[in-house]
N, C-alpha and C. Protein backbone atom coordinates (compact mmCIF):
# COMPACT_ATOMS: atom_id res chain seq x y z
N UNK A 1 0.79 -1.43 -0.06
CA UNK A 1 -0.17 0.16 0.08
C UNK A 1 1.11 1.53 0.12
N UNK A 2 0.21 2.34 -0.61
CA UNK A 2 0.90 3.62 -0.80
C UNK A 2 2.18 4.08 0.87
N UNK A 3 0.75 3.19 1.79
CA UNK A 3 1.38 3.79 2.97
C UNK A 3 3.23 2.99 3.78
N UNK A 4 3.45 2.06 2.83
CA UNK A 4 3.83 1.02 3.08
C UNK A 4 3.36 -0.08 3.89
N UNK A 5 2.31 0.03 3.86
CA UNK A 5 1.66 -1.00 5.51
C UNK A 5 1.43 -2.53 4.26
N UNK A 6 1.41 -3.47 5.33
CA UNK A 6 1.30 -4.80 4.57
C UNK A 6 -0.04 -5.84 5.27
N UNK A 7 -0.79 -5.92 4.24
CA UNK A 7 -2.71 -6.36 4.74
C UNK A 7 -2.78 -7.24 3.98
N UNK A 8 -1.96 -8.44 3.94
CA UNK A 8 -2.44 -10.20 3.86
C UNK A 8 -4.10 -10.63 3.50
N UNK A 9 -4.67 -9.67 4.42
CA UNK A 9 -6.23 -10.50 4.64
C UNK A 9 -7.35 -9.45 4.03
N UNK A 10 -6.41 -8.39 3.35
CA UNK A 10 -7.50 -7.02 2.72
C UNK A 10 -8.06 -7.84 1.53
N UNK A 11 -9.14 -7.46 0.76
CA UNK A 11 -8.94 -7.76 -0.70
C UNK A 11 -7.64 -6.64 -1.37
N UNK A 12 -7.66 -7.00 -2.74
CA UNK A 12 -6.93 -7.00 -3.42
C UNK A 12 -7.86 -5.54 -4.30
N UNK A 13 -7.40 -4.15 -4.29
CA UNK A 13 -8.27 -3.59 -5.15
C UNK A 13 -7.47 -3.10 -6.85
N UNK A 14 -8.23 -2.91 -7.69
CA UNK A 14 -7.28 -3.16 -8.57
C UNK A 14 -6.96 -1.76 -8.94
N UNK A 15 -6.58 -0.84 -8.66
CA UNK A 15 -6.10 0.69 -8.51
C UNK A 15 -4.78 -0.23 -8.14
N UNK A 16 -4.36 -0.20 -6.31
CA UNK A 16 -3.28 -1.08 -6.09
C UNK A 16 -3.00 -2.01 -7.00
N UNK A 17 -3.22 -2.93 -7.79
CA UNK A 17 -2.90 -4.21 -8.15
C UNK A 17 -1.92 -3.48 -9.64
N UNK A 18 -2.97 -2.37 -10.25
CA UNK A 18 -2.35 -1.89 -11.22
C UNK A 18 -1.12 -0.88 -10.99
N UNK A 19 -1.08 -0.39 -9.68
CA UNK A 19 0.65 0.13 -8.86
C UNK A 19 1.60 -1.11 -8.85
N UNK A 20 0.96 -2.47 -8.70
CA UNK A 20 2.11 -3.07 -8.77
C UNK A 20 2.74 -4.04 -9.68
N UNK A 21 1.60 -3.69 -10.39
CA UNK A 21 2.11 -4.31 -11.74
C UNK A 21 3.24 -3.32 -12.42
N UNK A 22 2.38 -2.06 -12.54
CA UNK A 22 3.51 -0.52 -13.02
C UNK A 22 5.20 -0.98 -12.10
N UNK A 23 5.18 -1.32 -10.56
CA UNK A 23 6.26 -1.60 -9.94
C UNK A 23 6.75 -2.99 -10.92
N UNK A 24 6.17 -3.29 -10.80
CA UNK A 24 7.52 -5.06 -11.66
C UNK A 24 7.85 -4.22 -13.06
N UNK A 25 7.65 -3.66 -13.90
CA UNK A 25 7.76 -3.73 -15.67
C UNK A 25 8.72 -2.45 -14.73
N UNK A 26 8.70 -1.55 -13.70
CA UNK A 26 9.87 -0.54 -13.86
C UNK A 26 10.94 -1.46 -13.42
N UNK A 27 10.59 -2.42 -12.49
CA UNK A 27 12.10 -2.89 -11.75
C UNK A 27 12.33 -4.22 -12.63
N UNK A 28 12.16 -4.64 -13.55
CA UNK A 28 12.43 -5.61 -14.26
C UNK A 28 13.09 -4.59 -15.32
N UNK A 29 12.70 -3.68 -16.46
CA UNK A 29 12.62 -2.97 -17.40
C UNK A 29 14.24 -1.68 -16.57
N UNK A 30 13.90 -1.86 -14.93
CA UNK A 30 14.89 -0.41 -15.00
C UNK A 30 14.76 0.79 -15.51
N UNK A 31 13.38 0.70 -15.82
CA UNK A 31 13.50 2.24 -16.43
C UNK A 31 12.39 3.17 -15.69
N UNK A 32 13.25 3.92 -14.80
CA UNK A 32 12.26 4.66 -13.70
C UNK A 32 11.35 5.91 -14.84
N UNK A 33 11.57 6.19 -15.86
CA UNK A 33 10.85 7.34 -16.15
C UNK A 33 9.42 6.63 -16.46
N UNK A 34 9.51 5.35 -16.40
CA UNK A 34 7.73 4.64 -16.84
C UNK A 34 7.01 5.23 -14.86
N UNK A 35 7.49 5.65 -14.18
CA UNK A 35 6.82 6.06 -13.02
C UNK A 35 5.96 7.30 -12.98
N UNK A 36 6.37 7.92 -13.81
CA UNK A 36 5.98 9.65 -14.48
C UNK A 36 5.69 9.32 -16.03
N UNK A 37 5.54 8.63 -16.86
CA UNK A 37 5.48 8.65 -17.87
C UNK A 37 4.14 9.04 -18.44
N UNK A 38 2.98 8.79 -17.34
CA UNK A 38 2.00 9.13 -17.99
C UNK A 38 1.10 10.46 -17.48
N UNK A 39 1.93 10.78 -16.50
CA UNK A 39 1.70 12.49 -16.15
C UNK A 39 1.23 13.73 -16.60
N UNK A 40 0.19 14.07 -16.43
CA UNK A 40 0.07 15.45 -17.56
C UNK A 40 -0.70 14.75 -18.50
N UNK A 41 -0.61 13.20 -18.99
CA UNK A 41 -1.88 13.01 -20.17
C UNK A 41 -3.68 13.58 -19.57
N UNK A 42 -4.60 13.12 -20.78
CA UNK A 42 -5.73 13.44 -20.47
C UNK A 42 -6.29 11.90 -19.33
N UNK A 43 -7.04 12.08 -18.85
CA UNK A 43 -7.66 11.22 -17.90
C UNK A 43 -8.36 10.28 -19.19
N UNK A 44 -8.43 9.11 -18.82
CA UNK A 44 -8.72 7.73 -19.81
C UNK A 44 -10.57 7.20 -19.13
N UNK A 45 -10.38 7.49 -17.83
CA UNK A 45 -11.67 6.83 -17.70
C UNK A 45 -12.05 7.72 -16.78
N UNK A 46 -13.89 8.00 -16.54
CA UNK A 46 -14.20 8.60 -15.71
C UNK A 46 -14.15 8.68 -14.15
N UNK A 47 -13.75 8.02 -13.86
CA UNK A 47 -13.20 7.60 -12.30
C UNK A 47 -12.03 7.60 -11.64
N UNK A 48 -10.65 8.26 -13.07
CA UNK A 48 -9.78 7.99 -12.77
C UNK A 48 -9.37 9.65 -12.52
N UNK A 49 -8.58 10.17 -11.98
CA UNK A 49 -8.87 11.47 -12.28
C UNK A 49 -7.19 11.63 -12.36
N UNK A 50 -6.58 12.70 -13.21
CA UNK A 50 -4.88 12.76 -13.38
C UNK A 50 -4.43 13.23 -11.62
N UNK A 51 -5.16 13.54 -11.46
CA UNK A 51 -4.40 13.32 -9.79
C UNK A 51 -4.46 12.77 -8.81
N UNK A 52 -5.37 11.17 -9.36
CA UNK A 52 -4.95 10.11 -7.76
C UNK A 52 -3.72 9.07 -8.32
N UNK A 53 -3.85 8.82 -7.11
CA UNK A 53 -2.22 8.36 -6.71
C UNK A 53 -2.01 7.20 -7.65
N UNK A 54 -2.80 6.71 -8.36
CA UNK A 54 -2.84 5.50 -9.21
C UNK A 54 -2.92 5.91 -10.59
N UNK A 55 -3.16 7.36 -10.80
CA UNK A 55 -2.99 7.72 -12.00
C UNK A 55 -2.47 7.17 -12.95
N UNK A 56 -1.30 7.34 -12.98
CA UNK A 56 -0.37 7.01 -14.09
C UNK A 56 0.00 5.50 -13.62
N UNK A 57 0.03 4.81 -13.19
CA UNK A 57 0.12 2.99 -13.65
C UNK A 57 -1.16 2.11 -13.51
N UNK A 58 -1.84 3.06 -13.62
CA UNK A 58 -3.09 3.14 -14.30
C UNK A 58 -3.18 3.09 -15.61
N UNK A 59 -2.88 4.06 -16.00
CA UNK A 59 -3.11 4.52 -17.45
C UNK A 59 -1.82 3.62 -18.28
N UNK A 60 -0.81 3.31 -17.54
CA UNK A 60 -0.04 2.42 -17.77
C UNK A 60 -0.14 0.62 -18.40
N UNK A 61 -1.44 0.83 -17.42
CA UNK A 61 -1.80 -0.90 -17.31
C UNK A 61 -2.63 -1.02 -18.85
N UNK A 62 -3.44 0.37 -18.76
CA UNK A 62 -4.22 0.06 -19.87
C UNK A 62 -3.82 0.18 -21.00
N UNK A 63 -2.45 1.11 -21.03
CA UNK A 63 -1.94 1.73 -22.41
C UNK A 63 -1.49 0.04 -23.33
N UNK A 64 -0.81 -0.58 -21.65
CA UNK A 64 -0.63 -1.45 -22.52
C UNK A 64 -0.80 -3.05 -22.90
N UNK A 65 -2.59 -2.97 -22.38
CA UNK A 65 -4.09 -3.73 -22.49
C UNK A 65 -3.73 -5.27 -21.43
N UNK A 66 -2.71 -4.68 -20.47
CA UNK A 66 -2.77 -5.43 -19.67
C UNK A 66 -4.17 -5.67 -18.71
N UNK A 67 -4.72 -4.52 -18.27
CA UNK A 67 -5.71 -4.03 -17.50
C UNK A 67 -6.88 -3.52 -17.95
N UNK A 68 -7.83 -3.20 -18.19
CA UNK A 68 -8.86 -2.69 -18.81
C UNK A 68 -10.09 -1.95 -18.52
N UNK A 69 -11.10 -1.78 -18.75
CA UNK A 69 -12.43 -0.88 -18.11
C UNK A 69 -13.03 -2.22 -17.92
N UNK A 70 -14.54 -1.46 -17.37
CA UNK A 70 -15.46 -2.16 -17.07
C UNK A 70 -16.29 -1.94 -18.31
N UNK A 71 -16.31 -3.06 -18.91
CA UNK A 71 -17.34 -3.28 -20.04
C UNK A 71 -18.77 -2.24 -20.45
N UNK A 72 -19.32 -2.47 -18.88
CA UNK A 72 -20.69 -1.95 -18.41
C UNK A 72 -20.67 -0.52 -18.68
N UNK A 73 -19.52 -0.14 -17.76
CA UNK A 73 -19.89 1.59 -17.49
C UNK A 73 -19.06 2.17 -18.08
N UNK A 74 -17.69 1.70 -18.19
CA UNK A 74 -16.49 2.29 -19.09
C UNK A 74 -15.33 3.36 -18.11
N UNK A 75 -16.02 2.86 -16.46
CA UNK A 75 -14.42 2.77 -15.78
C UNK A 75 -13.58 1.94 -15.20
N UNK A 76 -12.76 2.33 -14.84
CA UNK A 76 -11.70 1.49 -13.75
C UNK A 76 -11.92 0.62 -13.10
N UNK A 77 -12.69 1.52 -11.94
CA UNK A 77 -13.58 0.46 -11.06
C UNK A 77 -12.02 0.68 -9.74
N UNK A 78 -11.75 1.93 -9.79
CA UNK A 78 -10.75 1.87 -8.86
C UNK A 78 -10.69 1.10 -7.66
N UNK A 79 -11.82 1.34 -6.83
CA UNK A 79 -12.36 0.42 -5.74
C UNK A 79 -12.86 -1.40 -5.78
N UNK A 80 -12.74 -1.92 -7.08
CA UNK A 80 -13.41 -3.25 -7.63
C UNK A 80 -12.66 -3.58 -6.86
N UNK A 81 -12.71 -5.14 -6.51
CA UNK A 81 -11.50 -5.91 -6.12
C UNK A 81 -11.36 -7.15 -7.43
N UNK A 82 -10.40 -7.81 -7.31
CA UNK A 82 -9.20 -8.14 -8.41
C UNK A 82 -9.72 -9.62 -8.07
N UNK A 83 -10.25 -10.70 -9.15
CA UNK A 83 -9.94 -11.99 -8.74
C UNK A 83 -8.77 -12.64 -8.91
N UNK A 84 -8.87 -14.20 -8.54
CA UNK A 84 -7.18 -14.43 -8.40
C UNK A 84 -7.12 -15.12 -10.16
N UNK A 85 -8.29 -15.16 -10.62
CA UNK A 85 -7.75 -15.23 -12.32
C UNK A 85 -7.70 -14.11 -12.96
N UNK A 86 -8.14 -12.80 -12.79
CA UNK A 86 -8.20 -12.06 -13.40
C UNK A 86 -6.31 -11.32 -12.80
N UNK A 87 -6.14 -11.57 -11.74
CA UNK A 87 -4.29 -11.34 -11.58
C UNK A 87 -3.58 -12.16 -12.67
N UNK A 88 -3.64 -13.56 -12.32
CA UNK A 88 -2.91 -14.31 -13.19
C UNK A 88 -2.95 -13.89 -14.55
N UNK A 89 -4.61 -13.79 -14.89
CA UNK A 89 -5.01 -13.30 -16.84
C UNK A 89 -3.69 -12.18 -16.77
N UNK A 90 -3.62 -11.05 -15.92
CA UNK A 90 -3.09 -9.74 -16.07
C UNK A 90 -1.55 -10.04 -16.40
N UNK A 91 -0.95 -10.76 -15.14
CA UNK A 91 0.19 -11.17 -14.82
C UNK A 91 0.55 -11.49 -15.76
N UNK A 92 0.10 -12.82 -16.82
CA UNK A 92 0.51 -13.20 -18.12
C UNK A 92 0.71 -12.25 -19.18
N UNK A 93 -0.23 -11.00 -19.25
CA UNK A 93 -0.09 -10.08 -20.15
C UNK A 93 1.24 -9.59 -19.54
N UNK A 94 1.72 -9.14 -18.65
CA UNK A 94 3.00 -8.10 -18.21
C UNK A 94 4.02 -8.76 -19.08
N UNK A 95 4.24 -10.42 -18.40
CA UNK A 95 5.08 -11.10 -19.48
C UNK A 95 4.89 -10.60 -20.57
N UNK A 96 3.58 -10.63 -21.55
CA UNK A 96 3.87 -10.78 -22.67
C UNK A 96 4.23 -8.92 -23.51
N UNK A 97 4.17 -8.29 -22.07
CA UNK A 97 4.57 -6.79 -23.11
C UNK A 97 5.59 -6.61 -22.71
N UNK A 98 6.60 -7.68 -21.58
CA UNK A 98 8.20 -7.64 -21.31
C UNK A 98 8.97 -8.30 -22.47
N UNK A 99 8.48 -9.23 -22.85
CA UNK A 99 8.66 -9.75 -23.97
C UNK A 99 8.92 -9.00 -25.16
N UNK A 100 7.58 -8.40 -25.67
CA UNK A 100 7.21 -7.58 -26.89
C UNK A 100 8.05 -5.90 -27.27
N UNK A 101 7.48 -5.44 -25.98
CA UNK A 101 7.22 -4.03 -26.08
C UNK A 101 8.60 -3.02 -24.98
N UNK A 102 9.27 -3.80 -24.72
CA UNK A 102 10.70 -3.20 -24.08
C UNK A 102 12.02 -4.01 -24.58
């Protein structure tokens, strides 16, 4: 979590998982510029303001097709929980992205 706390019994929220995926990509590529690559770009989703702490991470994972919006609402669903299956699919997409884009 942003406050460096560990909460193993808490559900994984989509915004926090996006930040985790961003950190994985930065660690693997060594490209620290990715940490702010989307700051200043327009909001992609109505529920994600450019001032939100996870804005860059959400923009990154959606840009690379790793995570996407809710198909019914068009929102990212910041506080929505992530299923284990969704997490595995996203991790696989990170692997594919790292193999092709970086």
